[in-house]
PDB file of all heavy atoms in Angstrom:
ATOM      1  N   ASN A   1       1.757 155.844 146.141  1.00  0.00           N
ATOM      2  CA  ASN A   1       1.133 156.655 145.091  1.00  0.00           C
ATOM      3  C   ASN A   1       1.602 156.249 143.700  1.00  0.00           C
ATOM      4  O   ASN A   1       0.881 156.425 142.714  1.00  0.00           O
ATOM      5  CB  ASN A   1       1.490 158.130 145.309  1.00  0.00           C
ATOM      6  CG  ASN A   1       0.287 158.988 145.627  1.00  0.00           C
ATOM      7  OD1 ASN A   1      -0.844 158.602 145.393  1.00  0.00           O
ATOM      8  ND2 ASN A   1       0.536 160.170 146.144  1.00  0.00           N
ATOM      9  N   LEU A   2       2.834 155.728 143.607  1.00  0.00           N
ATOM     10  CA  LEU A   2       3.451 155.480 142.309  1.00  0.00           C
ATOM     11  C   LEU A   2       3.178 154.096 141.746  1.00  0.00           C
ATOM     12  O   LEU A   2       3.066 153.931 140.529  1.00  0.00           O
ATOM     13  CB  LEU A   2       4.972 155.685 142.402  1.00  0.00           C
ATOM     14  CG  LEU A   2       5.458 157.088 142.789  1.00  0.00           C
ATOM     15  CD1 LEU A   2       6.976 157.116 142.789  1.00  0.00           C
ATOM     16  CD2 LEU A   2       4.901 158.131 141.838  1.00  0.00           C
ATOM     17  N   TYR A   3       3.110 153.101 142.614  1.00  0.00           N
ATOM     18  CA  TYR A   3       3.015 151.718 142.147  1.00  0.00           C
ATOM     19  C   TYR A   3       1.567 151.233 142.111  1.00  0.00           C
ATOM     20  O   TYR A   3       0.726 151.665 142.898  1.00  0.00           O
ATOM     21  CB  TYR A   3       3.883 150.810 143.014  1.00  0.00           C
ATOM     22  CG  TYR A   3       5.362 151.114 142.857  1.00  0.00           C
ATOM     23  CD1 TYR A   3       6.057 151.850 143.806  1.00  0.00           C
ATOM     24  CD2 TYR A   3       6.048 150.700 141.723  1.00  0.00           C
ATOM     25  CE1 TYR A   3       7.402 152.152 143.644  1.00  0.00           C
ATOM     26  CE2 TYR A   3       7.395 150.994 141.545  1.00  0.00           C
ATOM     27  CZ  TYR A   3       8.064 151.719 142.505  1.00  0.00           C
ATOM     28  OH  TYR A   3       9.390 152.028 142.334  1.00  0.00           O
ATOM     29  N   ASP A   4       1.311 150.288 141.207  1.00  0.00           N
ATOM     30  CA  ASP A   4      -0.050 149.773 141.037  1.00  0.00           C
ATOM     31  C   ASP A   4      -0.537 149.048 142.282  1.00  0.00           C
ATOM     32  O   ASP A   4      -1.721 149.121 142.627  1.00  0.00           O
ATOM     33  CB  ASP A   4      -0.099 148.780 139.864  1.00  0.00           C
ATOM     34  CG  ASP A   4       0.084 149.437 138.512  1.00  0.00           C
ATOM     35  OD1 ASP A   4       0.048 150.674 138.441  1.00  0.00           O
ATOM     36  OD2 ASP A   4       0.264 148.706 137.522  1.00  0.00           O
ATOM     37  N   ALA A   5       0.354 148.288 142.905  1.00  0.00           N
ATOM     38  CA  ALA A   5      -0.062 147.423 144.012  1.00  0.00           C
ATOM     39  C   ALA A   5       0.975 147.426 145.118  1.00  0.00           C
ATOM     40  O   ALA A   5       2.158 147.700 144.886  1.00  0.00           O
ATOM     41  CB  ALA A   5      -0.278 146.000 143.509  1.00  0.00           C
ATOM     42  N   ILE A   6       0.521 147.109 146.320  1.00  0.00           N
ATOM     43  CA  ILE A   6       1.402 146.952 147.475  1.00  0.00           C
ATOM     44  C   ILE A   6       1.200 145.544 148.017  1.00  0.00           C
ATOM     45  O   ILE A   6       0.067 145.073 148.124  1.00  0.00           O
ATOM     46  CB  ILE A   6       1.117 148.022 148.547  1.00  0.00           C
ATOM     47  CG1 ILE A   6       2.051 147.848 149.745  1.00  0.00           C
ATOM     48  CG2 ILE A   6      -0.333 148.015 148.998  1.00  0.00           C
ATOM     49  CD1 ILE A   6       1.968 148.991 150.744  1.00  0.00           C
ATOM     50  N   LEU A   7       2.290 144.860 148.317  1.00  0.00           N
ATOM     51  CA  LEU A   7       2.220 143.460 148.733  1.00  0.00           C
ATOM     52  C   LEU A   7       2.816 143.260 150.113  1.00  0.00           C
ATOM     53  O   LEU A   7       3.912 143.759 150.408  1.00  0.00           O
ATOM     54  CB  LEU A   7       2.953 142.593 147.705  1.00  0.00           C
ATOM     55  CG  LEU A   7       2.963 141.079 147.932  1.00  0.00           C
ATOM     56  CD1 LEU A   7       2.961 140.345 146.582  1.00  0.00           C
ATOM     57  CD2 LEU A   7       4.160 140.623 148.767  1.00  0.00           C
ATOM     58  N   VAL A   8       2.096 142.515 150.949  1.00  0.00           N
ATOM     59  CA  VAL A   8       2.596 142.141 152.278  1.00  0.00           C
ATOM     60  C   VAL A   8       2.293 140.663 152.515  1.00  0.00           C
ATOM     61  O   VAL A   8       1.532 140.039 151.780  1.00  0.00           O
ATOM     62  CB  VAL A   8       1.950 142.980 153.405  1.00  0.00           C
ATOM     63  CG1 VAL A   8       2.241 144.455 153.225  1.00  0.00           C
ATOM     64  CG2 VAL A   8       0.442 142.738 153.471  1.00  0.00           C
ATOM     65  N   GLY A   9       2.884 140.134 153.580  1.00  0.00           N
ATOM     66  CA  GLY A   9       2.606 138.762 153.974  1.00  0.00           C
ATOM     67  C   GLY A   9       1.527 138.706 155.038  1.00  0.00           C
ATOM     68  O   GLY A   9       1.185 139.719 155.658  1.00  0.00           O
ATOM     69  N   ILE A  10       1.013 137.522 155.284  1.00  0.00           N
ATOM     70  CA  ILE A  10      -0.039 137.352 156.273  1.00  0.00           C
ATOM     71  C   ILE A  10       0.443 137.742 157.672  1.00  0.00           C
ATOM     72  O   ILE A  10      -0.336 138.234 158.489  1.00  0.00           O
ATOM     73  CB  ILE A  10      -0.571 135.886 156.263  1.00  0.00           C
ATOM     74  CG1 ILE A  10      -1.698 135.708 157.279  1.00  0.00           C
ATOM     75  CG2 ILE A  10       0.556 134.903 156.513  1.00  0.00           C
ATOM     76  CD1 ILE A  10      -2.896 136.589 157.058  1.00  0.00           C
ATOM     77  N   GLY A  11       1.740 137.563 157.943  1.00  0.00           N
ATOM     78  CA  GLY A  11       2.270 137.945 159.253  1.00  0.00           C
ATOM     79  C   GLY A  11       2.062 139.421 159.538  1.00  0.00           C
ATOM     80  O   GLY A  11       1.703 139.804 160.656  1.00  0.00           O
ATOM     81  N   ASN A  12       2.281 140.246 158.540  1.00  0.00           N
ATOM     82  CA  ASN A  12       2.073 141.689 158.684  1.00  0.00           C
ATOM     83  C   ASN A  12       0.619 141.994 159.013  1.00  0.00           C
ATOM     84  O   ASN A  12       0.310 142.836 159.863  1.00  0.00           O
ATOM     85  CB  ASN A  12       2.502 142.389 157.385  1.00  0.00           C
ATOM     86  CG  ASN A  12       2.464 143.888 157.459  1.00  0.00           C
ATOM     87  OD1 ASN A  12       1.412 144.480 157.678  1.00  0.00           O
ATOM     88  ND2 ASN A  12       3.614 144.524 157.253  1.00  0.00           N
ATOM     89  N   VAL A  13      -0.300 141.302 158.354  1.00  0.00           N
ATOM     90  CA  VAL A  13      -1.730 141.520 158.584  1.00  0.00           C
ATOM     91  C   VAL A  13      -2.119 141.091 159.996  1.00  0.00           C
ATOM     92  O   VAL A  13      -2.848 141.796 160.700  1.00  0.00           O
ATOM     93  CB  VAL A  13      -2.564 140.755 157.531  1.00  0.00           C
ATOM     94  CG1 VAL A  13      -4.055 140.814 157.874  1.00  0.00           C
ATOM     95  CG2 VAL A  13      -2.321 141.327 156.143  1.00  0.00           C
ATOM     96  N   LEU A  14      -1.614 139.945 160.423  1.00  0.00           N
ATOM     97  CA  LEU A  14      -1.981 139.415 161.738  1.00  0.00           C
ATOM     98  C   LEU A  14      -1.404 140.247 162.878  1.00  0.00           C
ATOM     99  O   LEU A  14      -2.037 140.431 163.926  1.00  0.00           O
ATOM    100  CB  LEU A  14      -1.516 137.964 161.871  1.00  0.00           C
ATOM    101  CG  LEU A  14      -2.201 136.958 160.946  1.00  0.00           C
ATOM    102  CD1 LEU A  14      -1.545 135.588 161.084  1.00  0.00           C
ATOM    103  CD2 LEU A  14      -3.695 136.878 161.240  1.00  0.00           C
ATOM    104  N   ILE A  15      -0.199 140.788 162.686  1.00  0.00           N
ATOM    105  CA  ILE A  15       0.467 141.539 163.766  1.00  0.00           C
ATOM    106  C   ILE A  15       0.034 143.001 163.794  1.00  0.00           C
ATOM    107  O   ILE A  15      -0.322 143.540 164.842  1.00  0.00           O
ATOM    108  CB  ILE A  15       2.001 141.436 163.616  1.00  0.00           C
ATOM    109  CG1 ILE A  15       2.449 139.989 163.842  1.00  0.00           C
ATOM    110  CG2 ILE A  15       2.707 142.356 164.621  1.00  0.00           C
ATOM    111  CD1 ILE A  15       3.893 139.728 163.453  1.00  0.00           C
ATOM    112  N   ASP A  16       0.054 143.662 162.630  1.00  0.00           N
ATOM    113  CA  ASP A  16      -0.168 145.114 162.583  1.00  0.00           C
ATOM    114  C   ASP A  16      -1.557 145.523 162.092  1.00  0.00           C
ATOM    115  O   ASP A  16      -1.962 146.670 162.300  1.00  0.00           O
ATOM    116  CB  ASP A  16       0.881 145.779 161.684  1.00  0.00           C
ATOM    117  CG  ASP A  16       2.284 145.698 162.266  1.00  0.00           C
ATOM    118  OD1 ASP A  16       2.400 145.615 163.497  1.00  0.00           O
ATOM    119  OD2 ASP A  16       3.251 145.707 161.479  1.00  0.00           O
ATOM    120  N   ASP A  17      -2.260 144.645 161.396  1.00  0.00           N
ATOM    121  CA  ASP A  17      -3.563 144.960 160.802  1.00  0.00           C
ATOM    122  C   ASP A  17      -3.520 146.290 160.043  1.00  0.00           C
ATOM    123  O   ASP A  17      -4.280 147.224 160.319  1.00  0.00           O
ATOM    124  CB  ASP A  17      -4.653 145.011 161.879  1.00  0.00           C
ATOM    125  CG  ASP A  17      -6.061 145.036 161.274  1.00  0.00           C
ATOM    126  OD1 ASP A  17      -6.210 144.602 160.112  1.00  0.00           O
ATOM    127  OD2 ASP A  17      -6.999 145.486 161.958  1.00  0.00           O
ATOM    128  N   PRO A  18      -2.615 146.406 159.044  1.00  0.00           N
ATOM    129  CA  PRO A  18      -2.440 147.686 158.336  1.00  0.00           C
ATOM    130  C   PRO A  18      -3.549 147.971 157.341  1.00  0.00           C
ATOM    131  O   PRO A  18      -4.205 147.065 156.822  1.00  0.00           O
ATOM    132  CB  PRO A  18      -1.110 147.474 157.605  1.00  0.00           C
ATOM    133  CG  PRO A  18      -1.111 146.006 157.306  1.00  0.00           C
ATOM    134  CD  PRO A  18      -1.768 145.338 158.488  1.00  0.00           C
ATOM    135  N   LYS A  19      -3.744 149.264 157.037  1.00  0.00           N
ATOM    136  CA  LYS A  19      -4.690 149.664 155.994  1.00  0.00           C
ATOM    137  C   LYS A  19      -4.070 149.562 154.612  1.00  0.00           C
ATOM    138  O   LYS A  19      -4.763 149.321 153.625  1.00  0.00           O
ATOM    139  CB  LYS A  19      -5.166 151.098 156.233  1.00  0.00           C
ATOM    140  CG  LYS A  19      -6.063 151.259 157.453  1.00  0.00           C
ATOM    141  CD  LYS A  19      -6.569 152.700 157.540  1.00  0.00           C
ATOM    142  CE  LYS A  19      -7.532 152.869 158.710  1.00  0.00           C
ATOM    143  NZ  LYS A  19      -8.056 154.259 158.786  1.00  0.00           N
ATOM    144  N   LEU A  20      -2.763 149.861 154.520  1.00  0.00           N
ATOM    145  CA  LEU A  20      -2.031 149.819 153.253  1.00  0.00           C
ATOM    146  C   LEU A  20      -2.601 150.780 152.221  1.00  0.00           C
ATOM    147  O   LEU A  20      -2.617 150.503 151.024  1.00  0.00           O
ATOM    148  CB  LEU A  20      -1.990 148.397 152.680  1.00  0.00           C
ATOM    149  CG  LEU A  20      -1.376 147.325 153.596  1.00  0.00           C
ATOM    150  CD1 LEU A  20      -1.424 145.964 152.912  1.00  0.00           C
ATOM    151  CD2 LEU A  20       0.043 147.681 153.992  1.00  0.00           C
ATOM    152  N   THR A  21      -3.075 151.930 152.685  1.00  0.00           N
ATOM    153  CA  THR A  21      -3.607 152.961 151.793  1.00  0.00           C
ATOM    154  C   THR A  21      -2.655 154.155 151.771  1.00  0.00           C
ATOM    155  O   THR A  21      -1.725 154.250 152.569  1.00  0.00           O
ATOM    156  CB  THR A  21      -4.997 153.411 152.251  1.00  0.00           C
ATOM    157  OG1 THR A  21      -4.935 153.784 153.637  1.00  0.00           O
ATOM    158  CG2 THR A  21      -6.011 152.303 152.083  1.00  0.00           C
ATOM    159  N   THR A  22      -2.913 155.083 150.858  1.00  0.00           N
ATOM    160  CA  THR A  22      -2.110 156.303 150.738  1.00  0.00           C
ATOM    161  C   THR A  22      -2.774 157.399 151.565  1.00  0.00           C
ATOM    162  O   THR A  22      -3.895 157.807 151.257  1.00  0.00           O
ATOM    163  CB  THR A  22      -2.010 156.741 149.269  1.00  0.00           C
ATOM    164  OG1 THR A  22      -1.491 155.653 148.499  1.00  0.00           O
ATOM    165  CG2 THR A  22      -1.101 157.952 149.123  1.00  0.00           C
ATOM    166  N   ARG A  23      -2.065 157.877 152.607  1.00  0.00           N
ATOM    167  CA  ARG A  23      -2.701 158.848 153.508  1.00  0.00           C
ATOM    168  C   ARG A  23      -1.835 160.058 153.839  1.00  0.00           C
ATOM    169  O   ARG A  23      -2.357 161.125 154.118  1.00  0.00           O
ATOM    170  CB  ARG A  23      -3.094 158.159 154.835  1.00  0.00           C
ATOM    171  CG  ARG A  23      -4.025 156.987 154.660  1.00  0.00           C
ATOM    172  CD  ARG A  23      -4.438 156.370 155.994  1.00  0.00           C
ATOM    173  NE  ARG A  23      -3.307 155.942 156.810  1.00  0.00           N
ATOM    174  CZ  ARG A  23      -2.649 154.802 156.622  1.00  0.00           C
ATOM    175  NH1 ARG A  23      -2.998 153.994 155.640  1.00  0.00           N
ATOM    176  NH2 ARG A  23      -1.651 154.466 157.404  1.00  0.00           N
ATOM    177  N   LEU A  24      -0.521 159.919 153.816  1.00  0.00           N
ATOM    178  CA  LEU A  24       0.353 160.972 154.334  1.00  0.00           C
ATOM    179  C   LEU A  24       0.835 161.948 153.266  1.00  0.00           C
ATOM    180  O   LEU A  24       1.592 162.862 153.569  1.00  0.00           O
ATOM    181  CB  LEU A  24       1.557 160.347 155.047  1.00  0.00           C
ATOM    182  CG  LEU A  24       1.219 159.400 156.209  1.00  0.00           C
ATOM    183  CD1 LEU A  24       2.502 158.896 156.868  1.00  0.00           C
ATOM    184  CD2 LEU A  24       0.333 160.094 157.241  1.00  0.00           C
ATOM    185  N   VAL A  25       0.416 161.756 152.031  1.00  0.00           N
ATOM    186  CA  VAL A  25       0.783 162.677 150.936  1.00  0.00           C
ATOM    187  C   VAL A  25      -0.468 162.964 150.128  1.00  0.00           C
ATOM    188  O   VAL A  25      -1.500 162.311 150.300  1.00  0.00           O
ATOM    189  CB  VAL A  25       1.871 162.057 150.026  1.00  0.00           C
ATOM    190  CG1 VAL A  25       3.166 161.854 150.786  1.00  0.00           C
ATOM    191  CG2 VAL A  25       1.393 160.742 149.423  1.00  0.00           C
ATOM    192  N   LYS A  26      -0.373 163.949 149.228  1.00  0.00           N
ATOM    193  CA  LYS A  26      -1.493 164.239 148.344  1.00  0.00           C
ATOM    194  C   LYS A  26      -1.761 163.003 147.485  1.00  0.00           C
ATOM    195  O   LYS A  26      -0.909 162.571 146.716  1.00  0.00           O
ATOM    196  CB  LYS A  26      -1.185 165.449 147.452  1.00  0.00           C
ATOM    197  CG  LYS A  26      -2.363 165.872 146.590  1.00  0.00           C
ATOM    198  CD  LYS A  26      -2.030 167.117 145.775  1.00  0.00           C
ATOM    199  CE  LYS A  26      -3.214 167.519 144.899  1.00  0.00           C
ATOM    200  NZ  LYS A  26      -2.912 168.717 144.081  1.00  0.00           N
ATOM    201  N   LYS A  27      -2.938 162.453 147.613  1.00  0.00           N
ATOM    202  CA  LYS A  27      -3.211 161.136 147.053  1.00  0.00           C
ATOM    203  C   LYS A  27      -3.591 161.179 145.581  1.00  0.00           C
ATOM    204  O   LYS A  27      -4.500 161.890 145.183  1.00  0.00           O
ATOM    205  CB  LYS A  27      -4.319 160.460 147.858  1.00  0.00           C
ATOM    206  CG  LYS A  27      -4.627 159.033 147.426  1.00  0.00           C
ATOM    207  CD  LYS A  27      -5.457 158.287 148.449  1.00  0.00           C
ATOM    208  CE  LYS A  27      -6.815 158.878 148.629  1.00  0.00           C
ATOM    209  NZ  LYS A  27      -7.622 158.131 149.610  1.00  0.00           N
ATOM    210  N   ILE A  28      -2.861 160.399 144.786  1.00  0.00           N
ATOM    211  CA  ILE A  28      -3.261 160.118 143.417  1.00  0.00           C
ATOM    212  C   ILE A  28      -4.224 158.944 143.430  1.00  0.00           C
ATOM    213  O   ILE A  28      -5.266 158.950 142.792  1.00  0.00           O
ATOM    214  CB  ILE A  28      -2.035 159.785 142.540  1.00  0.00           C
ATOM    215  CG1 ILE A  28      -1.123 161.002 142.396  1.00  0.00           C
ATOM    216  CG2 ILE A  28      -2.477 159.288 141.166  1.00  0.00           C
ATOM    217  CD1 ILE A  28       0.189 160.706 141.711  1.00  0.00           C
ATOM    218  N   LYS A  29      -3.860 157.943 144.194  1.00  0.00           N
ATOM    219  CA  LYS A  29      -4.665 156.728 144.252  1.00  0.00           C
ATOM    220  C   LYS A  29      -4.241 155.902 145.464  1.00  0.00           C
ATOM    221  O   LYS A  29      -3.175 156.120 146.038  1.00  0.00           O
ATOM    222  CB  LYS A  29      -4.465 155.889 142.994  1.00  0.00           C
ATOM    223  CG  LYS A  29      -3.061 155.313 142.892  1.00  0.00           C
ATOM    224  CD  LYS A  29      -2.922 154.397 141.708  1.00  0.00           C
ATOM    225  CE  LYS A  29      -1.631 153.625 141.673  1.00  0.00           C
ATOM    226  NZ  LYS A  29      -0.417 154.341 142.020  1.00  0.00           N
ATOM    227  N   ASN A  30      -5.068 154.942 145.837  1.00  0.00           N
ATOM    228  CA  ASN A  30      -4.662 153.886 146.745  1.00  0.00           C
ATOM    229  C   ASN A  30      -4.170 152.712 145.905  1.00  0.00           C
ATOM    230  O   ASN A  30      -4.795 152.369 144.894  1.00  0.00           O
ATOM    231  CB  ASN A  30      -5.833 153.420 147.612  1.00  0.00           C
ATOM    232  CG  ASN A  30      -6.123 154.381 148.743  1.00  0.00           C
ATOM    233  OD1 ASN A  30      -5.215 154.898 149.379  1.00  0.00           O
ATOM    234  ND2 ASN A  30      -7.398 154.638 148.990  1.00  0.00           N
ATOM    235  N   PRO A  31      -3.073 152.084 146.300  1.00  0.00           N
ATOM    236  CA  PRO A  31      -2.632 150.916 145.543  1.00  0.00           C
ATOM    237  C   PRO A  31      -3.556 149.726 145.787  1.00  0.00           C
ATOM    238  O   PRO A  31      -4.264 149.672 146.793  1.00  0.00           O
ATOM    239  CB  PRO A  31      -1.232 150.640 146.117  1.00  0.00           C
ATOM    240  CG  PRO A  31      -1.310 151.153 147.525  1.00  0.00           C
ATOM    241  CD  PRO A  31      -2.213 152.363 147.463  1.00  0.00           C
ATOM    242  N   ILE A  32      -3.555 148.795 144.853  1.00  0.00           N
ATOM    243  CA  ILE A  32      -4.247 147.530 145.078  1.00  0.00           C
ATOM    244  C   ILE A  32      -3.479 146.779 146.157  1.00  0.00           C
ATOM    245  O   ILE A  32      -2.251 146.673 146.105  1.00  0.00           O
ATOM    246  CB  ILE A  32      -4.293 146.700 143.778  1.00  0.00           C
ATOM    247  CG1 ILE A  32      -5.071 147.455 142.700  1.00  0.00           C
ATOM    248  CG2 ILE A  32      -4.909 145.326 144.023  1.00  0.00           C
ATOM    249  CD1 ILE A  32      -4.910 146.871 141.316  1.00  0.00           C
ATOM    250  N   ARG A  33      -4.166 146.261 147.144  1.00  0.00           N
ATOM    251  CA  ARG A  33      -3.511 145.580 148.264  1.00  0.00           C
ATOM    252  C   ARG A  33      -3.466 144.077 147.998  1.00  0.00           C
ATOM    253  O   ARG A  33      -4.482 143.465 147.700  1.00  0.00           O
ATOM    254  CB  ARG A  33      -4.262 145.875 149.561  1.00  0.00           C
ATOM    255  CG  ARG A  33      -4.344 147.372 149.845  1.00  0.00           C
ATOM    256  CD  ARG A  33      -5.240 147.703 151.009  1.00  0.00           C
ATOM    257  NE  ARG A  33      -6.636 147.364 150.764  1.00  0.00           N
ATOM    258  CZ  ARG A  33      -7.640 147.751 151.545  1.00  0.00           C
ATOM    259  NH1 ARG A  33      -7.399 148.482 152.622  1.00  0.00           N
ATOM    260  NH2 ARG A  33      -8.881 147.404 151.261  1.00  0.00           N
ATOM    261  N   ILE A  34      -2.270 143.500 148.120  1.00  0.00           N
ATOM    262  CA  ILE A  34      -2.079 142.071 147.893  1.00  0.00           C
ATOM    263  C   ILE A  34      -1.536 141.444 149.172  1.00  0.00           C
ATOM    264  O   ILE A  34      -0.547 141.912 149.727  1.00  0.00           O
ATOM    265  CB  ILE A  34      -1.103 141.812 146.732  1.00  0.00           C
ATOM    266  CG1 ILE A  34      -1.601 142.485 145.439  1.00  0.00           C
ATOM    267  CG2 ILE A  34      -0.903 140.314 146.513  1.00  0.00           C
ATOM    268  CD1 ILE A  34      -0.577 142.481 144.320  1.00  0.00           C
ATOM    269  N   VAL A  35      -2.186 140.382 149.619  1.00  0.00           N
ATOM    270  CA  VAL A  35      -1.748 139.670 150.820  1.00  0.00           C
ATOM    271  C   VAL A  35      -1.359 138.247 150.431  1.00  0.00           C
ATOM    272  O   VAL A  35      -2.165 137.516 149.834  1.00  0.00           O
ATOM    273  CB  VAL A  35      -2.853 139.621 151.897  1.00  0.00           C
ATOM    274  CG1 VAL A  35      -2.359 138.876 153.136  1.00  0.00           C
ATOM    275  CG2 VAL A  35      -3.303 141.033 152.267  1.00  0.00           C
ATOM    276  N   LEU A  36      -0.119 137.857 150.752  1.00  0.00           N
ATOM    277  CA  LEU A  36       0.295 136.469 150.568  1.00  0.00           C
ATOM    278  C   LEU A  36      -0.199 135.681 151.773  1.00  0.00           C
ATOM    279  O   LEU A  36       0.266 135.876 152.901  1.00  0.00           O
ATOM    280  CB  LEU A  36       1.824 136.374 150.473  1.00  0.00           C
ATOM    281  CG  LEU A  36       2.509 137.092 149.307  1.00  0.00           C
ATOM    282  CD1 LEU A  36       3.997 136.765 149.299  1.00  0.00           C
ATOM    283  CD2 LEU A  36       1.879 136.724 147.984  1.00  0.00           C
ATOM    284  N   ASP A  37      -1.154 134.809 151.548  1.00  0.00           N
ATOM    285  CA  ASP A  37      -1.834 134.115 152.646  1.00  0.00           C
ATOM    286  C   ASP A  37      -2.075 132.662 152.246  1.00  0.00           C
ATOM    287  O   ASP A  37      -3.196 132.259 151.929  1.00  0.00           O
ATOM    288  CB  ASP A  37      -3.159 134.831 152.951  1.00  0.00           C
ATOM    289  CG  ASP A  37      -3.869 134.273 154.163  1.00  0.00           C
ATOM    290  OD1 ASP A  37      -3.279 133.425 154.864  1.00  0.00           O
ATOM    291  OD2 ASP A  37      -5.023 134.669 154.402  1.00  0.00           O
ATOM    292  N   THR A  38      -1.012 131.881 152.263  1.00  0.00           N
ATOM    293  CA  THR A  38      -1.057 130.511 151.750  1.00  0.00           C
ATOM    294  C   THR A  38      -2.209 129.696 152.326  1.00  0.00           C
ATOM    295  O   THR A  38      -2.892 128.957 151.606  1.00  0.00           O
ATOM    296  CB  THR A  38       0.268 129.793 152.061  1.00  0.00           C
ATOM    297  OG1 THR A  38       1.357 130.614 151.617  1.00  0.00           O
ATOM    298  CG2 THR A  38       0.341 128.448 151.343  1.00  0.00           C
ATOM    299  N   HIS A  39      -2.441 129.835 153.629  1.00  0.00           N
ATOM    300  CA  HIS A  39      -3.427 128.984 154.301  1.00  0.00           C
ATOM    301  C   HIS A  39      -4.753 129.698 154.592  1.00  0.00           C
ATOM    302  O   HIS A  39      -5.597 129.159 155.316  1.00  0.00           O
ATOM    303  CB  HIS A  39      -2.832 128.437 155.596  1.00  0.00           C
ATOM    304  CG  HIS A  39      -1.546 127.690 155.399  1.00  0.00           C
ATOM    305  ND1 HIS A  39      -1.483 126.514 154.677  1.00  0.00           N
ATOM    306  CD2 HIS A  39      -0.271 127.972 155.786  1.00  0.00           C
ATOM    307  CE1 HIS A  39      -0.218 126.099 154.639  1.00  0.00           C
ATOM    308  NE2 HIS A  39       0.529 126.958 155.299  1.00  0.00           N
ATOM    309  N   GLY A  40      -4.935 130.904 154.042  1.00  0.00           N
ATOM    310  CA  GLY A  40      -6.215 131.594 154.195  1.00  0.00           C
ATOM    311  C   GLY A  40      -6.510 132.027 155.617  1.00  0.00           C
ATOM    312  O   GLY A  40      -7.632 131.864 156.109  1.00  0.00           O
ATOM    313  N   ARG A  41      -5.521 132.646 156.272  1.00  0.00           N
ATOM    314  CA  ARG A  41      -5.671 133.033 157.686  1.00  0.00           C
ATOM    315  C   ARG A  41      -6.071 134.493 157.886  1.00  0.00           C
ATOM    316  O   ARG A  41      -6.190 134.955 159.020  1.00  0.00           O
ATOM    317  CB  ARG A  41      -4.374 132.759 158.439  1.00  0.00           C
ATOM    318  CG  ARG A  41      -4.005 131.283 158.542  1.00  0.00           C
ATOM    319  CD  ARG A  41      -2.791 131.102 159.430  1.00  0.00           C
ATOM    320  NE  ARG A  41      -1.591 131.682 158.838  1.00  0.00           N
ATOM    321  CZ  ARG A  41      -0.550 132.132 159.542  1.00  0.00           C
ATOM    322  NH1 ARG A  41      -0.585 132.116 160.868  1.00  0.00           N
ATOM    323  NH2 ARG A  41       0.509 132.612 158.922  1.00  0.00           N
ATOM    324  N   THR A  42      -6.264 135.263 156.829  1.00  0.00           N
ATOM    325  CA  THR A  42      -6.625 136.673 156.981  1.00  0.00           C
ATOM    326  C   THR A  42      -7.947 136.795 157.745  1.00  0.00           C
ATOM    327  O   THR A  42      -8.965 136.239 157.323  1.00  0.00           O
ATOM    328  CB  THR A  42      -6.774 137.352 155.604  1.00  0.00           C
ATOM    329  OG1 THR A  42      -5.539 137.255 154.890  1.00  0.00           O
ATOM    330  CG2 THR A  42      -7.163 138.817 155.759  1.00  0.00           C
ATOM    331  N   PRO A  43      -7.954 137.526 158.872  1.00  0.00           N
ATOM    332  CA  PRO A  43      -9.203 137.685 159.637  1.00  0.00           C
ATOM    333  C   PRO A  43     -10.243 138.442 158.815  1.00  0.00           C
ATOM    334  O   PRO A  43      -9.911 139.393 158.091  1.00  0.00           O
ATOM    335  CB  PRO A  43      -8.768 138.511 160.857  1.00  0.00           C
ATOM    336  CG  PRO A  43      -7.292 138.299 160.962  1.00  0.00           C
ATOM    337  CD  PRO A  43      -6.802 138.145 159.554  1.00  0.00           C
ATOM    338  N   LEU A  44     -11.479 138.038 158.918  1.00  0.00           N
ATOM    339  CA  LEU A  44     -12.530 138.685 158.132  1.00  0.00           C
ATOM    340  C   LEU A  44     -12.792 140.126 158.574  1.00  0.00           C
ATOM    341  O   LEU A  44     -13.446 140.884 157.855  1.00  0.00           O
ATOM    342  CB  LEU A  44     -13.822 137.863 158.203  1.00  0.00           C
ATOM    343  CG  LEU A  44     -13.735 136.469 157.559  1.00  0.00           C
ATOM    344  CD1 LEU A  44     -15.063 135.740 157.690  1.00  0.00           C
ATOM    345  CD2 LEU A  44     -13.311 136.556 156.097  1.00  0.00           C
ATOM    346  N   LYS A  45     -12.268 140.504 159.749  1.00  0.00           N
ATOM    347  CA  LYS A  45     -12.402 141.882 160.214  1.00  0.00           C
ATOM    348  C   LYS A  45     -11.153 142.713 159.940  1.00  0.00           C
ATOM    349  O   LYS A  45     -11.064 143.863 160.367  1.00  0.00           O
ATOM    350  CB  LYS A  45     -12.710 141.896 161.715  1.00  0.00           C
ATOM    351  CG  LYS A  45     -14.087 141.341 162.069  1.00  0.00           C
ATOM    352  CD  LYS A  45     -14.377 141.487 163.554  1.00  0.00           C
ATOM    353  CE  LYS A  45     -15.770 140.970 163.896  1.00  0.00           C
ATOM    354  NZ  LYS A  45     -16.063 141.113 165.357  1.00  0.00           N
ATOM    355  N   ALA A  46     -10.205 142.160 159.202  1.00  0.00           N
ATOM    356  CA  ALA A  46      -8.953 142.869 158.922  1.00  0.00           C
ATOM    357  C   ALA A  46      -9.203 144.130 158.107  1.00  0.00           C
ATOM    358  O   ALA A  46     -10.131 144.192 157.294  1.00  0.00           O
ATOM    359  CB  ALA A  46      -7.996 141.952 158.173  1.00  0.00           C
TER     360      ALA A  46
END
C-alpha cells in the first residue's frame, strides 16, 4: 500500500505465479509490478 512499485525476479513468477496486488488490508492502491526477466521468460498467462 505504501510503495509505488513491487519488484520480484522471474523465478518467483515461474514458481509461485503471484498476483503482487494489495488484498489483505484496506487498499489505497495496487503497486506497479516489476519483474526482472533478463531473457523474457514470463509466461503470457502469468
